[in-house]
Amino acid sequence: MTTGATPPKYKIKIDQDECMLCERCIDNCSYGVFRREGQKIVADSRKCTACHRCIAMCPRDAITLIEKPNDYRSHPLWTRDAREAIYKQANSGQIILSGMGNAQDYPIIFNRIVLDACQVTNPSIDPLREPMELRTYIGKKPRQIALEKTKSGECDLKTKISPNLKLETPIMIGHMSYGAISLNAQLSMAKAVSEMGTFMGTGEGGLHKKLYPYQDHMIVQVASGRFGVDINYLERGAAIEIKIGQGAKPGIGGHLPGEKVEEEVSKTRMVPLHSDAISPAPHHDIYSIEDLAQLVRSLKEATEWKKPVFVKIAAVHNVAAIAAGIARSSADVVVVDGFRGGTGAAPRVFRDHVGIPIEAAIAAVDDKLRQQGIRNEVSLVASGGIRDSADLTKAIALGADAVYIGTAALIAMGCRVCGSCYRGLCPWGIATQKPELVSRINPDEASKNVANLIKGWTLELAELMGAAGINSLESLRGNRDRLRGYMLDEEMLNVLDIRPIGA
């Protein structure tokens, strides 16, 4: 028995007077929405994902897309999404998958934090005419510096400095694996971070040989499945990241469907061709901070203690205590990924209902590390829902050293956030392994868009810092005095450790 048809989410309309029957919509739609019948193009709207590829490619602007053209009887509890989820599971008995980030209508805390600015007695700084220090170093910092005077009268540094990554901008690109996204998408981002003097993550999919020229700007990831991990992989990265969890699906592992594991993905990930690459929820050798410390030190030993080691965790209620443990594990960087972090595929119930916002998590972690006197032991990277330079600036003021962006970088390459990444049919060539779709990305052109995005945000960061009378990231980091809360309750203001507007 079937529950019957549901109303289409989108309605495609074609202006037949404008349509010139070029069939570009048919050629470009990977979901099979369009077909030709005689002397006209017709559309099956039920197949549409709102990727906008057809609209972008139509030379006559003959295609119109309408969202939710028909709906159910309205009800405050039994919304369209709630009912359709029941229909899907009643018909399939399976977990509902979704791509991208949290889609619930939760308040966005970043939108309720405003930045302070200087006026008369504490004048602002003009970044066009005065130097702004935007370079930052990611890694463990010494509590104090010891110097020794030589016979020649010069000073030598006695303190042993841990390896750090030098970032010309506090914006890095987070981990999106080969397999989940295309090689051309990875190449585009690798070229961009190399140009901008920053770094990107490989994800848990290994490192393809075509990315070797950019390895000095790559952070290689060791996840629970250990896909693609060997000594060659570890030695090529500028840093190593142990992924414990991610914001879109805290507490569970990953799943790359077998249809995405084509020959090159199979070789790079070191998994059988066309087999599902399933990473377990826990690392089977990590069940305590002591176990984590052993893996951190093993990775450092394997790479001769030359590379910083990151540990990535999802933002959950006890994230501050977890981060404090990580800081004592010999790790150099803690990455905290909030519940708006994107993903190629996650159970919808996890994506929308598990985890906490990055704003609260990063403030809580920074505060805990400072209280325990170990803030210098690790750098702090904020991830999950960073949309623009204002979010970037607020995240740093709340305590982050730098941020990871993910979805924003994909949007710069053409992503329309249709949330169908797990199907492997991305018409923009990003979340797919189909050669005819992958070829739609030109890495040389797409890398310019990503680099421009990072450059634009960096320029705006300098402007915002200047308006706040700050000329270095060191002065912005954890400087909550430059933030004010608007329409936030007292409890949230206390968690963020910021004052309300007017105070």
Protein backbone atom coordinates (compact mmCIF):
# COMPACT_ATOMS: atom_id res chain seq x y z
CA MET A 1 0.00 0.00 0.00
CA THR A 2 1.27 3.49 -0.81
CA THR A 3 0.38 6.76 0.90
CA GLY A 4 -0.16 8.40 -2.47
CA ALA A 5 1.40 11.33 -4.27
CA THR A 6 2.51 14.45 -2.43
CA PRO A 7 2.29 17.98 -3.82
CA PRO A 8 5.40 18.94 -5.81
CA LYS A 9 7.90 21.15 -3.95
CA TYR A 10 8.60 23.16 -7.11
CA LYS A 11 6.76 24.05 -10.30
CA ILE A 12 8.70 24.60 -13.51
CA LYS A 13 7.02 26.81 -16.10
CA ILE A 14 8.31 27.18 -19.66
CA ASP A 15 7.34 30.17 -21.78
CA GLN A 16 6.79 28.40 -25.08
CA ASP A 17 6.77 31.72 -26.95
CA GLU A 18 10.30 32.47 -25.73
CA CYS A 19 11.63 28.90 -25.92
CA MET A 20 13.80 28.33 -29.02
CA LEU A 21 14.00 24.51 -28.57
CA CYS A 22 17.77 24.61 -28.07
CA GLU A 23 17.45 21.74 -25.53
CA ARG A 24 20.08 23.21 -23.23
CA CYS A 25 17.74 22.59 -20.31
CA ILE A 26 17.59 18.89 -21.25
CA ASP A 27 21.37 18.64 -21.60
CA ASN A 28 22.09 20.48 -18.34
CA CYS A 29 19.53 18.91 -15.99
CA SER A 30 21.08 15.84 -14.34
CA TYR A 31 17.79 15.01 -12.62
CA GLY A 32 15.82 14.39 -15.84
CA VAL A 33 13.27 17.16 -15.37
CA PHE A 34 13.02 18.15 -19.04
CA ARG A 35 12.15 16.30 -22.22
CA ARG A 36 11.12 17.26 -25.72
CA GLU A 37 7.69 16.38 -27.07
CA GLY A 38 7.32 17.39 -30.69
CA GLN A 39 7.81 21.12 -31.00
CA LYS A 40 7.91 21.97 -27.32
CA ILE A 41 9.86 21.28 -24.13
CA VAL A 42 7.90 19.86 -21.21
CA ALA A 43 8.96 19.51 -17.56
CA ASP A 44 8.34 16.94 -14.85
CA SER A 45 8.34 19.28 -11.85
CA ARG A 46 8.37 16.43 -9.33
CA LYS A 47 11.98 15.67 -10.24
CA CYS A 48 13.14 19.25 -9.67
CA THR A 49 15.57 20.07 -6.81
CA ALA A 50 15.73 23.85 -7.45
CA CYS A 51 19.40 23.70 -8.50
CA HIS A 52 18.73 26.55 -11.00
CA ARG A 53 21.04 25.04 -13.62
CA CYS A 54 18.32 25.24 -16.27
CA ILE A 55 17.54 28.87 -15.47
CA ALA A 56 21.22 29.81 -15.61
CA MET A 57 21.75 28.11 -18.96
CA CYS A 58 18.56 29.13 -20.79
CA PRO A 59 19.54 31.73 -23.43
CA ARG A 60 16.01 33.19 -23.61
CA ASP A 61 15.05 33.34 -19.90
CA ALA A 62 12.12 31.10 -20.78
CA ILE A 63 12.14 29.07 -17.56
CA THR A 64 10.50 30.07 -14.27
CA LEU A 65 10.64 28.15 -10.98
CA ILE A 66 7.98 28.53 -8.30
CA GLU A 67 8.49 27.07 -4.82
CA LYS A 68 5.60 25.22 -3.13
CA PRO A 69 2.96 25.89 -5.81
CA ASN A 70 0.48 23.67 -3.92
CA ASP A 71 0.38 22.89 -0.24
CA TYR A 72 -1.52 20.88 2.33
CA ARG A 73 -4.22 22.23 4.61
CA SER A 74 -2.32 24.48 6.99
CA HIS A 75 -1.69 23.26 10.53
CA PRO A 76 0.70 24.74 13.12
CA LEU A 77 1.97 21.32 14.27
CA TRP A 78 1.65 19.06 11.24
CA THR A 79 3.61 21.13 8.77
CA ARG A 80 4.37 20.12 5.21
CA ASP A 81 7.85 18.90 6.18
CA ALA A 82 6.54 16.85 9.09
CA ARG A 83 3.88 15.17 6.97
CA GLU A 84 6.15 14.45 4.02
CA ALA A 85 8.77 12.92 6.30
CA ILE A 86 6.10 10.52 7.58
CA TYR A 87 5.00 9.68 4.02
CA LYS A 88 8.60 8.92 3.00
CA GLN A 89 9.25 6.66 5.95
CA ALA A 90 5.87 4.99 5.71
CA ASN A 91 6.73 4.04 2.14
CA SER A 92 10.41 3.15 2.66
CA GLY A 93 11.08 2.25 6.27
CA GLN A 94 14.48 3.97 5.91
CA ILE A 95 16.40 6.86 7.46
CA ILE A 96 15.75 10.15 5.65
CA LEU A 97 18.97 11.67 4.32
CA SER A 98 19.62 15.34 3.71
CA GLY A 99 22.51 17.49 2.54
CA MET A 100 23.77 20.93 3.59
CA GLY A 101 23.25 22.41 7.06
CA ASN A 102 20.52 22.65 9.68
CA ALA A 103 17.25 23.69 8.07
CA GLN A 104 15.20 24.42 11.19
CA ASP A 105 13.98 27.91 11.97
CA TYR A 106 16.23 28.39 15.00
CA PRO A 107 17.36 31.95 15.81
CA ILE A 108 20.79 32.75 14.36
CA ILE A 109 22.79 34.12 17.28
CA PHE A 110 25.25 35.91 14.99
CA ASN A 111 22.31 38.02 13.76
CA ARG A 112 21.64 39.11 17.35
CA ILE A 113 25.18 40.23 18.07
CA VAL A 114 26.28 43.67 16.90
CA LEU A 115 29.84 45.02 16.63
CA ASP A 116 30.89 48.13 18.51
CA ALA A 117 32.64 51.05 16.78
CA CYS A 118 34.88 53.88 17.91
CA GLN A 119 34.03 57.56 17.75
CA VAL A 120 35.70 60.63 19.30
CA THR A 121 37.75 59.73 22.37
CA ASN A 122 38.96 56.42 20.96
CA PRO A 123 39.31 57.15 17.24
CA SER A 124 38.88 54.50 14.59
CA ILE A 125 41.71 53.29 12.37
CA ASP A 126 41.75 53.72 8.59
CA PRO A 127 42.91 50.40 7.10
CA LEU A 128 43.63 52.07 3.76
CA ARG A 129 46.27 54.30 5.33
CA GLU A 130 47.47 52.43 8.40
CA PRO A 131 48.87 48.90 8.70
CA MET A 132 46.48 46.13 9.81
CA GLU A 133 48.00 42.89 11.09
CA LEU A 134 45.79 40.11 9.70
CA ARG A 135 48.42 37.38 9.72
CA THR A 136 47.90 34.74 12.38
CA TYR A 137 49.65 31.59 13.50
CA ILE A 138 47.68 28.44 14.26
CA GLY A 139 49.17 26.06 16.80
CA LYS A 140 50.48 25.77 20.35
CA LYS A 141 51.98 28.95 21.85
CA PRO A 142 54.55 29.08 24.69
CA ARG A 143 53.38 30.52 28.00
CA GLN A 144 56.51 32.67 28.08
CA ILE A 145 59.65 33.26 26.02
CA ALA A 146 63.15 32.63 27.37
CA LEU A 147 66.11 34.40 25.74
CA GLU A 148 69.84 33.82 26.10
CA LYS A 149 72.50 36.41 25.41
CA THR A 150 75.37 35.18 23.24
CA LYS A 151 79.02 36.22 23.44
CA SER A 152 78.54 38.49 20.46
CA GLY A 153 75.86 40.39 22.36
CA GLU A 154 72.93 39.04 20.34
CA CYS A 155 69.98 37.18 21.83
CA ASP A 156 69.09 33.58 21.05
CA LEU A 157 65.69 32.04 21.65
CA LYS A 158 65.93 29.28 24.27
CA THR A 159 62.22 28.40 24.25
CA LYS A 160 61.31 25.56 21.91
CA ILE A 161 58.53 26.73 19.59
CA SER A 162 55.93 24.20 18.48
CA PRO A 163 55.16 24.00 14.74
CA ASN A 164 52.46 26.47 13.66
CA LEU A 165 50.65 27.18 10.41
CA LYS A 166 51.14 30.73 9.11
CA LEU A 167 47.88 32.17 7.77
CA GLU A 168 47.83 35.45 5.85
CA THR A 169 44.09 35.60 6.59
CA PRO A 170 42.16 33.90 9.40
CA ILE A 171 39.94 32.12 6.86
CA MET A 172 40.56 28.47 6.02
CA ILE A 173 38.42 26.05 4.00
CA GLY A 174 37.10 23.11 5.97
CA HIS A 175 37.21 19.41 5.18
CA MET A 176 35.16 18.17 2.20
CA SER A 177 36.39 14.83 1.00
CA TYR A 178 37.21 13.53 -2.46
CA GLY A 179 34.23 11.35 -3.22
CA ALA A 180 31.74 13.58 -1.46
CA ILE A 181 32.82 16.38 -3.81
CA SER A 182 34.58 16.21 -7.15
CA LEU A 183 38.30 16.45 -7.78
CA ASN A 184 37.74 19.62 -9.81
CA ALA A 185 36.00 21.19 -6.82
CA GLN A 186 38.92 20.27 -4.57
CA LEU A 187 41.43 21.58 -7.12
CA SER A 188 39.56 24.88 -7.34
CA MET A 189 39.76 25.41 -3.61
CA ALA A 190 43.38 24.22 -3.40
CA LYS A 191 44.44 26.77 -6.00
CA ALA A 192 42.55 29.49 -4.12
CA VAL A 193 44.08 28.82 -0.69
CA SER A 194 47.55 28.60 -2.23
CA GLU A 195 47.06 32.01 -3.80
CA MET A 196 45.65 33.57 -0.61
CA GLY A 197 48.23 32.14 1.78
CA THR A 198 45.88 29.98 3.77
CA PHE A 199 44.88 26.29 4.04
CA MET A 200 42.14 23.80 3.24
CA GLY A 201 41.20 20.36 4.50
CA THR A 202 41.23 17.14 2.49
CA GLY A 203 38.31 15.56 4.33
CA GLU A 204 38.47 11.86 5.09
CA GLY A 205 38.92 10.87 1.45
CA GLY A 206 42.70 10.80 1.11
CA LEU A 207 44.79 13.09 -1.09
CA HIS A 208 44.60 12.70 -4.88
CA LYS A 209 47.91 12.96 -6.76
CA LYS A 210 46.67 16.03 -8.64
CA LEU A 211 46.57 17.87 -5.30
CA TYR A 212 50.24 17.14 -4.51
CA PRO A 213 51.41 20.50 -5.95
CA TYR A 214 49.27 22.22 -3.29
CA GLN A 215 50.18 19.94 -0.37
CA ASP A 216 51.89 22.76 1.54
CA HIS A 217 48.43 24.30 1.91
CA MET A 218 46.54 21.08 2.72
CA ILE A 219 45.46 19.77 6.13
CA VAL A 220 45.11 15.99 5.87
CA GLN A 221 42.39 14.34 7.91
CA VAL A 222 42.39 11.14 9.93
CA ALA A 223 38.79 10.09 10.57
CA SER A 224 37.34 6.97 12.16
CA GLY A 225 37.38 5.03 8.86
CA ARG A 226 41.08 5.93 8.28
CA PHE A 227 40.37 6.10 4.54
CA GLY A 228 43.46 6.89 2.48
CA VAL A 229 45.68 7.16 5.56
CA ASP A 230 49.28 6.02 5.21
CA ILE A 231 52.66 7.59 5.90
CA ASN A 232 52.82 9.19 2.43
CA TYR A 233 49.50 10.91 3.11
CA LEU A 234 50.54 12.11 6.56
CA GLU A 235 53.90 13.45 5.39
CA ARG A 236 52.38 15.44 2.52
CA GLY A 237 50.03 17.51 4.66
CA ALA A 238 51.05 20.81 6.23
CA ALA A 239 49.07 19.69 9.29
CA ILE A 240 47.03 16.68 10.39
CA GLU A 241 43.47 16.75 11.68
CA ILE A 242 41.85 14.00 13.75
CA LYS A 243 38.12 14.14 13.12
CA ILE A 244 36.15 13.03 16.15
CA GLY A 245 32.84 14.56 15.10
CA GLN A 246 31.20 17.16 12.88
CA GLY A 247 28.46 19.67 13.47
CA ALA A 248 25.97 18.31 10.94
CA LYS A 249 25.89 14.88 12.60
CA PRO A 250 27.41 14.74 16.09
CA GLY A 251 27.87 11.25 17.48
CA ILE A 252 27.72 9.32 14.20
CA GLY A 253 30.13 8.43 11.40
CA GLY A 254 30.03 9.03 7.66
CA HIS A 255 28.75 7.19 4.62
CA LEU A 256 29.91 7.60 1.03
CA PRO A 257 27.56 5.58 -1.23
CA GLY A 258 29.20 2.95 -3.44
CA GLU A 259 27.99 4.62 -6.64
CA LYS A 260 30.32 7.54 -5.82
CA VAL A 261 33.31 5.22 -5.27
CA GLU A 262 34.54 5.14 -8.86
CA GLU A 263 38.07 4.11 -9.83
CA GLU A 264 40.02 7.23 -8.77
CA VAL A 265 38.05 7.59 -5.54
CA SER A 266 38.67 3.90 -4.81
CA LYS A 267 42.43 4.31 -5.25
CA THR A 268 42.65 7.50 -3.24
CA ARG A 269 40.49 6.30 -0.37
CA MET A 270 41.98 2.80 -0.49
CA VAL A 271 38.57 1.10 -0.50
CA PRO A 272 37.14 -1.46 -2.96
CA LEU A 273 35.61 -0.14 -6.16
CA HIS A 274 31.88 0.69 -5.89
CA SER A 275 31.73 -0.36 -2.22
CA ASP A 276 30.13 1.87 0.41
CA ALA A 277 32.79 3.74 2.42
CA ILE A 278 31.28 3.69 5.90
CA SER A 279 33.19 5.33 8.72
CA PRO A 280 32.10 4.19 12.20
CA ALA A 281 30.72 6.54 14.84
CA PRO A 282 33.71 6.23 17.22
CA HIS A 283 37.39 5.75 16.55
CA HIS A 284 37.87 2.19 17.72
CA ASP A 285 41.15 3.11 19.39
CA ILE A 286 39.84 6.20 21.20
CA TYR A 287 37.64 5.85 24.28
CA SER A 288 39.29 8.44 26.55
CA ILE A 289 41.41 11.58 26.46
CA GLU A 290 44.40 9.32 27.17
CA ASP A 291 43.61 7.29 24.05
CA LEU A 292 43.30 10.49 22.02
CA ALA A 293 46.63 11.73 23.39
CA GLN A 294 48.25 8.48 22.27
CA LEU A 295 46.97 8.93 18.70
CA VAL A 296 48.06 12.58 18.66
CA ARG A 297 51.56 11.64 19.73
CA SER A 298 51.69 8.69 17.35
CA LEU A 299 50.88 11.00 14.43
CA LYS A 300 53.49 13.50 15.59
CA GLU A 301 56.06 10.74 16.00
CA ALA A 302 55.30 9.41 12.50
CA THR A 303 55.91 12.87 11.02
CA GLU A 304 58.96 13.69 13.19
CA TRP A 305 57.10 16.25 15.32
CA LYS A 306 57.16 18.73 12.41
CA LYS A 307 53.40 19.25 11.93
CA PRO A 308 50.65 20.66 14.15
CA VAL A 309 47.83 18.24 14.93
CA PHE A 310 44.22 19.45 14.94
CA VAL A 311 41.34 17.69 16.70
CA LYS A 312 37.87 18.40 15.32
CA ILE A 313 34.81 17.96 17.51
CA ALA A 314 31.12 18.73 17.08
CA ALA A 315 29.60 21.47 19.21
CA VAL A 316 27.66 19.69 21.97
CA HIS A 317 26.61 20.64 25.50
CA ASN A 318 29.91 19.61 27.19
CA VAL A 319 32.13 20.95 24.41
CA ALA A 320 34.16 23.18 26.77
CA ALA A 321 35.19 20.28 28.99
CA ILE A 322 36.05 18.16 25.96
CA ALA A 323 38.18 20.96 24.49
CA ALA A 324 40.03 21.35 27.80
CA GLY A 325 40.89 17.66 27.68
CA ILE A 326 42.09 17.97 24.09
CA ALA A 327 44.29 20.93 25.07
CA ARG A 328 46.05 18.61 27.51
CA SER A 329 46.46 15.80 24.95
CA SER A 330 49.42 17.37 23.10
CA ALA A 331 47.11 18.51 20.29
CA ASP A 332 47.87 21.94 18.84
CA VAL A 333 44.46 23.06 17.56
CA VAL A 334 40.85 22.42 18.55
CA VAL A 335 38.27 22.76 15.78
CA VAL A 336 34.70 23.23 17.02
CA ASP A 337 31.99 22.60 14.42
CA GLY A 338 28.54 24.08 15.12
CA PHE A 339 25.17 22.56 14.30
CA ARG A 340 24.75 24.65 11.16
CA GLY A 341 27.77 22.99 9.58
CA GLY A 342 27.14 21.60 6.11
CA THR A 343 27.48 18.02 4.93
CA GLY A 344 27.06 15.94 1.80
CA ALA A 345 24.74 13.50 3.54
CA ALA A 346 23.37 13.13 7.07
CA PRO A 347 20.24 11.71 8.65
CA ARG A 348 17.85 14.64 8.58
CA VAL A 349 16.91 14.12 12.23
CA PHE A 350 20.56 14.56 13.25
CA ARG A 351 21.20 17.53 10.99
CA ASP A 352 18.20 19.43 12.34
CA HIS A 353 18.02 18.40 16.00
CA VAL A 354 21.44 17.46 17.41
CA GLY A 355 24.21 19.82 18.53
CA ILE A 356 24.45 23.47 19.54
CA PRO A 357 25.29 26.74 17.72
CA ILE A 358 28.92 27.64 17.09
CA GLU A 359 28.49 31.07 18.72
CA ALA A 360 27.73 29.59 22.15
CA ALA A 361 30.23 26.75 21.75
CA ILE A 362 33.23 28.89 20.81
CA ALA A 363 32.57 31.37 23.64
CA ALA A 364 32.23 28.54 26.17
CA VAL A 365 35.44 26.85 25.02
CA ASP A 366 37.47 30.06 25.04
CA ASP A 367 36.20 30.91 28.52
CA LYS A 368 36.96 27.42 29.91
CA LEU A 369 40.50 27.37 28.51
CA ARG A 370 41.20 30.83 29.96
CA GLN A 371 39.82 29.87 33.38
CA GLN A 372 42.11 26.85 33.45
CA GLY A 373 45.12 28.85 32.29
CA ILE A 374 45.69 26.73 29.17
CA ARG A 375 44.38 29.00 26.39
CA ASN A 376 47.92 29.19 24.99
CA GLU A 377 48.10 25.39 24.70
CA VAL A 378 45.83 25.30 21.63
CA SER A 379 44.51 27.49 18.89
CA LEU A 380 40.75 27.54 18.40
CA VAL A 381 39.05 27.25 15.01
CA ALA A 382 35.32 27.99 14.64
CA SER A 383 33.31 26.16 11.99
CA GLY A 384 29.71 25.63 10.99
CA GLY A 385 27.57 28.31 9.36
CA ILE A 386 30.08 31.13 8.77
CA ARG A 387 28.24 33.14 6.10
CA ASP A 388 30.12 36.43 5.73
CA SER A 389 32.84 38.68 7.12
CA ALA A 390 30.59 39.84 9.96
CA ASP A 391 30.22 36.24 11.20
CA LEU A 392 34.00 35.86 10.82
CA THR A 393 34.70 38.97 12.89
CA LYS A 394 32.19 38.05 15.60
CA ALA A 395 33.56 34.50 15.84
CA ILE A 396 37.08 35.84 16.44
CA ALA A 397 35.83 38.35 19.00
CA LEU A 398 34.09 35.47 20.80
CA GLY A 399 37.42 33.66 21.06
CA ALA A 400 38.35 31.92 17.81
CA ASP A 401 41.82 32.23 16.27
CA ALA A 402 40.48 31.48 12.78
CA VAL A 403 37.47 29.98 11.03
CA TYR A 404 36.73 27.19 8.59
CA ILE A 405 34.29 27.90 5.78
CA GLY A 406 32.71 25.18 3.66
CA THR A 407 29.32 25.89 2.13
CA ALA A 408 30.34 29.50 1.42
CA ALA A 409 33.26 28.25 -0.69
CA LEU A 410 30.96 25.89 -2.59
CA ILE A 411 28.49 28.70 -3.24
CA ALA A 412 31.36 30.76 -4.65
CA MET A 413 31.86 27.93 -7.18
CA GLY A 414 28.19 27.84 -8.16
CA CYS A 415 26.45 25.67 -5.52
CA ARG A 416 22.74 26.53 -5.17
CA VAL A 417 22.30 24.79 -1.77
CA CYS A 418 19.63 22.45 -3.13
CA GLY A 419 20.56 19.87 -0.49
CA SER A 420 20.66 16.87 -2.83
CA CYS A 421 24.44 16.30 -2.60
CA TYR A 422 24.05 12.68 -1.45
CA ARG A 423 22.42 11.73 -4.77
CA GLY A 424 25.66 12.33 -6.69
CA LEU A 425 23.89 14.17 -9.51
CA CYS A 426 25.03 17.74 -8.76
CA PRO A 427 24.46 19.65 -12.02
CA TRP A 428 27.13 22.17 -11.07
CA GLY A 429 29.85 19.51 -10.98
CA ILE A 430 30.54 19.87 -7.24
CA ALA A 431 28.97 16.97 -5.31
CA THR A 432 29.29 14.35 -8.03
CA GLN A 433 31.75 11.90 -9.58
CA LYS A 434 30.08 11.67 -13.00
CA PRO A 435 32.70 12.80 -15.55
CA GLU A 436 30.22 14.68 -17.72
CA LEU A 437 29.10 16.71 -14.68
CA VAL A 438 32.54 17.13 -13.06
CA SER A 439 33.80 18.70 -16.29
CA ARG A 440 31.41 21.61 -15.76
CA ILE A 441 33.87 23.10 -13.25
CA ASN A 442 36.96 24.74 -14.66
CA PRO A 443 39.38 24.78 -11.68
CA ASP A 444 41.28 27.79 -13.02
CA GLU A 445 38.10 29.87 -13.23
CA ALA A 446 36.40 28.54 -10.08
CA SER A 447 39.54 29.10 -8.01
CA LYS A 448 39.39 32.81 -8.85
CA ASN A 449 35.87 33.00 -7.44
CA VAL A 450 36.91 31.30 -4.19
CA ALA A 451 40.03 33.45 -3.88
CA ASN A 452 37.94 36.58 -4.51
CA LEU A 453 35.54 35.55 -1.75
CA ILE A 454 38.39 35.10 0.75
CA LYS A 455 39.98 38.38 -0.37
CA GLY A 456 36.69 40.28 -0.05
CA TRP A 457 36.00 38.94 3.44
CA THR A 458 39.56 39.75 4.50
CA LEU A 459 39.23 43.34 3.32
CA GLU A 460 35.93 43.69 5.17
CA LEU A 461 37.48 42.18 8.30
CA ALA A 462 40.16 44.90 8.19
CA GLU A 463 37.45 47.57 7.83
CA LEU A 464 35.46 46.20 10.78
CA MET A 465 38.59 46.00 12.92
CA GLY A 466 39.52 49.54 12.00
CA ALA A 467 36.06 50.79 12.95
CA ALA A 468 36.52 49.12 16.35
CA GLY A 469 39.90 50.82 16.82
CA ILE A 470 41.78 47.53 16.51
CA ASN A 471 44.79 47.04 14.21
CA SER A 472 45.69 43.40 14.87
CA LEU A 473 43.93 40.06 15.12
CA GLU A 474 45.65 39.49 18.47
CA SER A 475 43.69 42.43 19.86
CA LEU A 476 40.40 41.25 18.36
CA ARG A 477 40.67 37.63 19.52
CA GLY A 478 38.39 37.06 22.52
CA ASN A 479 37.71 40.81 22.80
CA ARG A 480 34.06 40.47 23.80
CA ASP A 481 34.00 44.11 24.86
CA ARG A 482 33.62 44.95 21.17
CA LEU A 483 30.37 42.95 20.99
CA ARG A 484 26.85 43.70 22.22
CA GLY A 485 23.81 41.44 22.35
CA TYR A 486 20.50 42.50 20.78
CA MET A 487 17.29 40.61 21.65
CA LEU A 488 19.24 37.94 23.55
CA ASP A 489 18.06 36.76 26.96
CA GLU A 490 20.21 37.08 30.07
CA GLU A 491 21.22 33.42 30.07
CA MET A 492 22.56 33.61 26.51
CA LEU A 493 24.37 36.87 27.23
CA ASN A 494 26.06 35.12 30.16
CA VAL A 495 27.10 32.16 27.98
CA LEU A 496 28.53 34.49 25.35
CA ASP A 497 29.98 36.75 28.07
CA ILE A 498 28.87 39.91 26.30
CA ARG A 499 26.83 42.91 27.45
CA PRO A 500 23.46 43.96 26.02
CA ILE A 501 23.08 46.92 23.68
CA GLY A 502 23.21 50.25 25.48
CA ALA A 503 25.35 48.87 28.31
